[in-house]
Structure formats: C-alpha cells, structure tokens
PDB file of all heavy atoms in Angstrom:
ATOM      1  N   GLU A   1      -0.526  -6.404  -0.872  1.00  0.00           N
ATOM      2  CA  GLU A   1      -1.056  -5.316  -0.119  1.00  0.00           C
ATOM      3  C   GLU A   1      -1.461  -5.798   1.309  1.00  0.00           C
ATOM      4  O   GLU A   1      -1.773  -6.950   1.494  1.00  0.00           O
ATOM      5  CB  GLU A   1      -2.318  -4.750  -0.774  1.00  0.00           C
ATOM      6  CG  GLU A   1      -2.125  -4.245  -2.182  1.00  0.00           C
ATOM      7  CD  GLU A   1      -2.979  -4.960  -3.224  1.00  0.00           C
ATOM      8  OE1 GLU A   1      -3.331  -6.142  -3.013  1.00  0.00           O
ATOM      9  OE2 GLU A   1      -3.356  -4.343  -4.188  1.00  0.00           O
ATOM     10  N   SER A   2      -1.386  -4.802   2.212  1.00  0.00           N
ATOM     11  CA  SER A   2      -1.872  -5.079   3.576  1.00  0.00           C
ATOM     12  C   SER A   2      -2.327  -3.779   4.163  1.00  0.00           C
ATOM     13  O   SER A   2      -2.013  -2.701   3.675  1.00  0.00           O
ATOM     14  CB  SER A   2      -0.786  -5.721   4.388  1.00  0.00           C
ATOM     15  OG  SER A   2       0.316  -4.790   4.525  1.00  0.00           O
ATOM     16  N   GLY A   3      -3.159  -3.939   5.301  1.00  0.00           N
ATOM     17  CA  GLY A   3      -3.525  -2.715   6.035  1.00  0.00           C
ATOM     18  C   GLY A   3      -4.995  -2.302   5.922  1.00  0.00           C
ATOM     19  O   GLY A   3      -5.395  -1.323   6.518  1.00  0.00           O
ATOM     20  N   GLY A   4      -5.729  -2.914   5.027  1.00  0.00           N
ATOM     21  CA  GLY A   4      -7.113  -2.600   4.914  1.00  0.00           C
ATOM     22  C   GLY A   4      -7.929  -3.036   6.104  1.00  0.00           C
ATOM     23  O   GLY A   4      -7.401  -3.740   6.972  1.00  0.00           O
ATOM     24  N   GLY A   5      -9.217  -2.591   6.161  1.00  0.00           N
ATOM     25  CA  GLY A   5     -10.023  -3.012   7.259  1.00  0.00           C
ATOM     26  C   GLY A   5     -11.202  -1.993   7.530  1.00  0.00           C
ATOM     27  O   GLY A   5     -11.485  -1.211   6.647  1.00  0.00           O
ATOM     28  N   LEU A   6     -11.827  -2.119   8.644  1.00  0.00           N
ATOM     29  CA  LEU A   6     -12.953  -1.304   9.025  1.00  0.00           C
ATOM     30  C   LEU A   6     -12.459  -0.174   9.907  1.00  0.00           C
ATOM     31  O   LEU A   6     -11.780  -0.349  10.893  1.00  0.00           O
ATOM     32  CB  LEU A   6     -13.974  -2.089   9.773  1.00  0.00           C
ATOM     33  CG  LEU A   6     -15.224  -1.346  10.269  1.00  0.00           C
ATOM     34  CD1 LEU A   6     -15.988  -0.676   9.140  1.00  0.00           C
ATOM     35  CD2 LEU A   6     -16.062  -2.325  11.194  1.00  0.00           C
ATOM     36  N   VAL A   7     -12.809   1.077   9.554  1.00  0.00           N
ATOM     37  CA  VAL A   7     -12.445   2.307  10.340  1.00  0.00           C
ATOM     38  C   VAL A   7     -13.646   3.163  10.340  1.00  0.00           C
ATOM     39  O   VAL A   7     -14.470   3.250   9.479  1.00  0.00           O
ATOM     40  CB  VAL A   7     -11.247   2.951   9.710  1.00  0.00           C
ATOM     41  CG1 VAL A   7     -11.525   3.399   8.345  1.00  0.00           C
ATOM     42  CG2 VAL A   7     -10.691   4.009  10.626  1.00  0.00           C
ATOM     43  N   GLN A   8     -13.720   3.890  11.465  1.00  0.00           N
ATOM     44  CA  GLN A   8     -14.854   4.826  11.712  1.00  0.00           C
ATOM     45  C   GLN A   8     -14.490   6.134  10.943  1.00  0.00           C
ATOM     46  O   GLN A   8     -13.369   6.545  10.730  1.00  0.00           O
ATOM     47  CB  GLN A   8     -15.056   5.204  13.090  1.00  0.00           C
ATOM     48  CG  GLN A   8     -15.557   3.972  13.974  1.00  0.00           C
ATOM     49  CD  GLN A   8     -15.839   4.377  15.339  1.00  0.00           C
ATOM     50  OE1 GLN A   8     -15.419   5.405  15.904  1.00  0.00           O
ATOM     51  NE2 GLN A   8     -16.670   3.550  16.040  1.00  0.00           N
ATOM     52  N   PRO A   9     -15.602   6.829  10.545  1.00  0.00           N
ATOM     53  CA  PRO A   9     -15.310   8.192   9.847  1.00  0.00           C
ATOM     54  C   PRO A   9     -14.502   9.079  10.791  1.00  0.00           C
ATOM     55  O   PRO A   9     -14.671   9.133  12.001  1.00  0.00           O
ATOM     56  CB  PRO A   9     -16.758   8.727   9.725  1.00  0.00           C
ATOM     57  CG  PRO A   9     -17.635   7.492   9.655  1.00  0.00           C
ATOM     58  CD  PRO A   9     -17.042   6.511  10.603  1.00  0.00           C
ATOM     59  N   GLY A  10     -13.601   9.763  10.146  1.00  0.00           N
ATOM     60  CA  GLY A  10     -12.674  10.566  10.911  1.00  0.00           C
ATOM     61  C   GLY A  10     -11.360   9.846  11.276  1.00  0.00           C
ATOM     62  O   GLY A  10     -10.411  10.426  11.706  1.00  0.00           O
ATOM     63  N   GLY A  11     -11.373   8.542  11.070  1.00  0.00           N
ATOM     64  CA  GLY A  11     -10.239   7.758  11.539  1.00  0.00           C
ATOM     65  C   GLY A  11      -9.125   7.681  10.522  1.00  0.00           C
ATOM     66  O   GLY A  11      -9.218   8.329   9.476  1.00  0.00           O
ATOM     67  N   SER A  12      -8.116   6.873  10.776  1.00  0.00           N
ATOM     68  CA  SER A  12      -6.898   6.800   9.936  1.00  0.00           C
ATOM     69  C   SER A  12      -6.669   5.378   9.660  1.00  0.00           C
ATOM     70  O   SER A  12      -6.993   4.410  10.362  1.00  0.00           O
ATOM     71  CB  SER A  12      -5.684   7.470  10.596  1.00  0.00           C
ATOM     72  OG  SER A  12      -5.885   8.805  10.845  1.00  0.00           O
ATOM     73  N   LEU A  13      -5.876   5.179   8.541  1.00  0.00           N
ATOM     74  CA  LEU A  13      -5.530   3.857   8.112  1.00  0.00           C
ATOM     75  C   LEU A  13      -4.205   3.991   7.270  1.00  0.00           C
ATOM     76  O   LEU A  13      -4.028   4.980   6.621  1.00  0.00           O
ATOM     77  CB  LEU A  13      -6.565   3.233   7.243  1.00  0.00           C
ATOM     78  CG  LEU A  13      -6.771   1.751   7.229  1.00  0.00           C
ATOM     79  CD1 LEU A  13      -7.170   1.187   8.645  1.00  0.00           C
ATOM     80  CD2 LEU A  13      -7.926   1.349   6.248  1.00  0.00           C
ATOM     81  N   ARG A  14      -3.427   2.950   7.407  1.00  0.00           N
ATOM     82  CA  ARG A  14      -2.182   2.922   6.568  1.00  0.00           C
ATOM     83  C   ARG A  14      -2.123   1.657   5.772  1.00  0.00           C
ATOM     84  O   ARG A  14      -2.155   0.511   6.295  1.00  0.00           O
ATOM     85  CB  ARG A  14      -0.944   3.041   7.525  1.00  0.00           C
ATOM     86  CG  ARG A  14       0.378   3.240   6.747  1.00  0.00           C
ATOM     87  CD  ARG A  14       1.567   3.049   7.664  1.00  0.00           C
ATOM     88  NE  ARG A  14       2.820   3.482   7.081  1.00  0.00           N
ATOM     89  CZ  ARG A  14       3.981   3.065   7.374  1.00  0.00           C
ATOM     90  NH1 ARG A  14       4.104   1.960   8.206  1.00  0.00           N
ATOM     91  NH2 ARG A  14       5.083   3.481   6.870  1.00  0.00           N
ATOM     92  N   LEU A  15      -2.011   1.847   4.501  1.00  0.00           N
ATOM     93  CA  LEU A  15      -1.872   0.647   3.547  1.00  0.00           C
ATOM     94  C   LEU A  15      -0.466   0.521   3.209  1.00  0.00           C
ATOM     95  O   LEU A  15       0.292   1.470   2.980  1.00  0.00           O
ATOM     96  CB  LEU A  15      -2.758   0.930   2.308  1.00  0.00           C
ATOM     97  CG  LEU A  15      -4.228   1.173   2.455  1.00  0.00           C
ATOM     98  CD1 LEU A  15      -4.927   1.395   1.137  1.00  0.00           C
ATOM     99  CD2 LEU A  15      -4.927   0.070   3.321  1.00  0.00           C
ATOM    100  N   SER A  16      -0.080  -0.676   3.014  1.00  0.00           N
ATOM    101  CA  SER A  16       1.348  -1.039   2.574  1.00  0.00           C
ATOM    102  C   SER A  16       1.176  -1.989   1.354  1.00  0.00           C
ATOM    103  O   SER A  16       0.259  -2.790   1.254  1.00  0.00           O
ATOM    104  CB  SER A  16       2.052  -1.740   3.689  1.00  0.00           C
ATOM    105  OG  SER A  16       2.206  -0.920   4.809  1.00  0.00           O
ATOM    106  N   CYS A  17       2.162  -1.853   0.496  1.00  0.00           N
ATOM    107  CA  CYS A  17       2.273  -2.726  -0.597  1.00  0.00           C
ATOM    108  C   CYS A  17       3.732  -3.057  -0.889  1.00  0.00           C
ATOM    109  O   CYS A  17       4.563  -2.147  -1.183  1.00  0.00           O
ATOM    110  CB  CYS A  17       1.709  -2.077  -1.880  1.00  0.00           C
ATOM    111  SG  CYS A  17       1.940  -2.967  -3.390  1.00  0.00           S
ATOM    112  N   ALA A  18       4.117  -4.288  -0.890  1.00  0.00           N
ATOM    113  CA  ALA A  18       5.449  -4.746  -1.054  1.00  0.00           C
ATOM    114  C   ALA A  18       5.559  -5.353  -2.470  1.00  0.00           C
ATOM    115  O   ALA A  18       4.834  -6.272  -2.860  1.00  0.00           O
ATOM    116  CB  ALA A  18       5.890  -5.733   0.016  1.00  0.00           C
ATOM    117  N   ALA A  19       6.542  -4.993  -3.203  1.00  0.00           N
ATOM    118  CA  ALA A  19       6.749  -5.480  -4.585  1.00  0.00           C
ATOM    119  C   ALA A  19       7.975  -6.489  -4.457  1.00  0.00           C
ATOM    120  O   ALA A  19       8.937  -6.184  -3.794  1.00  0.00           O
ATOM    121  CB  ALA A  19       7.028  -4.409  -5.521  1.00  0.00           C
ATOM    122  N   SER A  20       7.811  -7.443  -5.299  1.00  0.00           N
ATOM    123  CA  SER A  20       8.934  -8.460  -5.408  1.00  0.00           C
ATOM    124  C   SER A  20       9.008  -8.982  -6.884  1.00  0.00           C
ATOM    125  O   SER A  20       8.059  -8.807  -7.640  1.00  0.00           O
ATOM    126  CB  SER A  20       8.695  -9.670  -4.465  1.00  0.00           C
ATOM    127  OG  SER A  20       7.501 -10.395  -4.754  1.00  0.00           O
ATOM    128  N   GLY A  21      10.104  -9.589  -7.154  1.00  0.00           N
ATOM    129  CA  GLY A  21      10.286 -10.011  -8.539  1.00  0.00           C
ATOM    130  C   GLY A  21      11.297  -9.219  -9.278  1.00  0.00           C
ATOM    131  O   GLY A  21      12.251  -8.697  -8.619  1.00  0.00           O
ATOM    132  N   THR A  22      11.079  -8.901 -10.521  1.00  0.00           N
ATOM    133  CA  THR A  22      11.976  -8.107 -11.309  1.00  0.00           C
ATOM    134  C   THR A  22      11.594  -6.658 -11.249  1.00  0.00           C
ATOM    135  O   THR A  22      10.703  -6.206 -11.969  1.00  0.00           O
ATOM    136  CB  THR A  22      12.008  -8.627 -12.795  1.00  0.00           C
ATOM    137  OG1 THR A  22      12.248 -10.049 -12.872  1.00  0.00           O
ATOM    138  CG2 THR A  22      12.988  -7.817 -13.597  1.00  0.00           C
ATOM    139  N   ILE A  23      12.314  -5.996 -10.372  1.00  0.00           N
ATOM    140  CA  ILE A  23      11.948  -4.616 -10.142  1.00  0.00           C
ATOM    141  C   ILE A  23      12.779  -3.689 -11.021  1.00  0.00           C
ATOM    142  O   ILE A  23      13.983  -3.495 -10.737  1.00  0.00           O
ATOM    143  CB  ILE A  23      12.132  -4.222  -8.625  1.00  0.00           C
ATOM    144  CG1 ILE A  23      11.409  -5.228  -7.762  1.00  0.00           C
ATOM    145  CG2 ILE A  23      11.706  -2.806  -8.406  1.00  0.00           C
ATOM    146  CD1 ILE A  23       9.967  -5.232  -7.935  1.00  0.00           C
ATOM    147  N   LEU A  24      12.174  -3.182 -12.060  1.00  0.00           N
ATOM    148  CA  LEU A  24      12.957  -2.271 -12.979  1.00  0.00           C
ATOM    149  C   LEU A  24      12.791  -0.810 -12.417  1.00  0.00           C
ATOM    150  O   LEU A  24      11.871  -0.428 -11.783  1.00  0.00           O
ATOM    151  CB  LEU A  24      12.378  -2.290 -14.356  1.00  0.00           C
ATOM    152  CG  LEU A  24      12.393  -3.753 -15.000  1.00  0.00           C
ATOM    153  CD1 LEU A  24      11.790  -3.665 -16.339  1.00  0.00           C
ATOM    154  CD2 LEU A  24      13.830  -4.259 -15.117  1.00  0.00           C
ATOM    155  N   SER A  25      13.852  -0.051 -12.736  1.00  0.00           N
ATOM    156  CA  SER A  25      13.816   1.409 -12.317  1.00  0.00           C
ATOM    157  C   SER A  25      14.163   2.225 -13.622  1.00  0.00           C
ATOM    158  O   SER A  25      14.829   1.669 -14.519  1.00  0.00           O
ATOM    159  CB  SER A  25      14.831   1.629 -11.286  1.00  0.00           C
ATOM    160  OG  SER A  25      14.416   1.055 -10.112  1.00  0.00           O
ATOM    161  N   PRO A  26      13.637   3.445 -13.704  1.00  0.00           N
ATOM    162  CA  PRO A  26      12.758   4.017 -12.729  1.00  0.00           C
ATOM    163  C   PRO A  26      11.369   3.413 -12.826  1.00  0.00           C
ATOM    164  O   PRO A  26      11.058   2.840 -13.810  1.00  0.00           O
ATOM    165  CB  PRO A  26      12.751   5.546 -13.153  1.00  0.00           C
ATOM    166  CG  PRO A  26      12.975   5.521 -14.579  1.00  0.00           C
ATOM    167  CD  PRO A  26      13.974   4.387 -14.817  1.00  0.00           C
ATOM    168  N   ASN A  27      10.577   3.593 -11.755  1.00  0.00           N
ATOM    169  CA  ASN A  27       9.219   3.039 -11.742  1.00  0.00           C
ATOM    170  C   ASN A  27       8.311   3.953 -11.035  1.00  0.00           C
ATOM    171  O   ASN A  27       8.746   4.879 -10.282  1.00  0.00           O
ATOM    172  CB  ASN A  27       9.244   1.651 -11.137  1.00  0.00           C
ATOM    173  CG  ASN A  27       9.768   1.601  -9.753  1.00  0.00           C
ATOM    174  OD1 ASN A  27       9.224   2.210  -8.846  1.00  0.00           O
ATOM    175  ND2 ASN A  27      10.944   0.927  -9.568  1.00  0.00           N
ATOM    176  N   THR A  28       7.065   3.677 -11.148  1.00  0.00           N
ATOM    177  CA  THR A  28       6.007   4.393 -10.395  1.00  0.00           C
ATOM    178  C   THR A  28       5.186   3.400  -9.570  1.00  0.00           C
ATOM    179  O   THR A  28       4.818   2.400 -10.178  1.00  0.00           O
ATOM    180  CB  THR A  28       5.063   5.174 -11.334  1.00  0.00           C
ATOM    181  OG1 THR A  28       5.836   6.054 -12.136  1.00  0.00           O
ATOM    182  CG2 THR A  28       4.030   5.961 -10.558  1.00  0.00           C
ATOM    183  N   MET A  29       4.993   3.704  -8.362  1.00  0.00           N
ATOM    184  CA  MET A  29       4.142   2.841  -7.472  1.00  0.00           C
ATOM    185  C   MET A  29       3.028   3.711  -7.008  1.00  0.00           C
ATOM    186  O   MET A  29       3.154   4.873  -6.743  1.00  0.00           O
ATOM    187  CB  MET A  29       4.928   2.294  -6.338  1.00  0.00           C
ATOM    188  CG  MET A  29       6.047   1.342  -6.751  1.00  0.00           C
ATOM    189  SD  MET A  29       6.924   0.519  -5.325  1.00  0.00           S
ATOM    190  CE  MET A  29       5.605  -0.764  -4.953  1.00  0.00           C
ATOM    191  N   GLY A  30       1.835   3.053  -6.996  1.00  0.00           N
ATOM    192  CA  GLY A  30       0.682   3.909  -6.512  1.00  0.00           C
ATOM    193  C   GLY A  30      -0.430   3.119  -6.064  1.00  0.00           C
ATOM    194  O   GLY A  30      -0.342   1.907  -5.938  1.00  0.00           O
TER     195      GLY A  30
END
C-alpha cells in the first residue's frame, strides 16, 4: 500500500495498493 498521510479536514487523498505473486481471477480487491 501507499498514499497514506496527514490531511486536513475537507481534503483529499489517494491510496494505492499493488498486488504481486500468484494473481488468480476472478478476484476482489478492496
């Protein structure tokens, strides 16, 4: 995961999560 941090109320943030390894489909990411 990446993208966390400190933000003021009313602000925005974008989190990212990269998966690696044996990626089976179909799958759910959340």
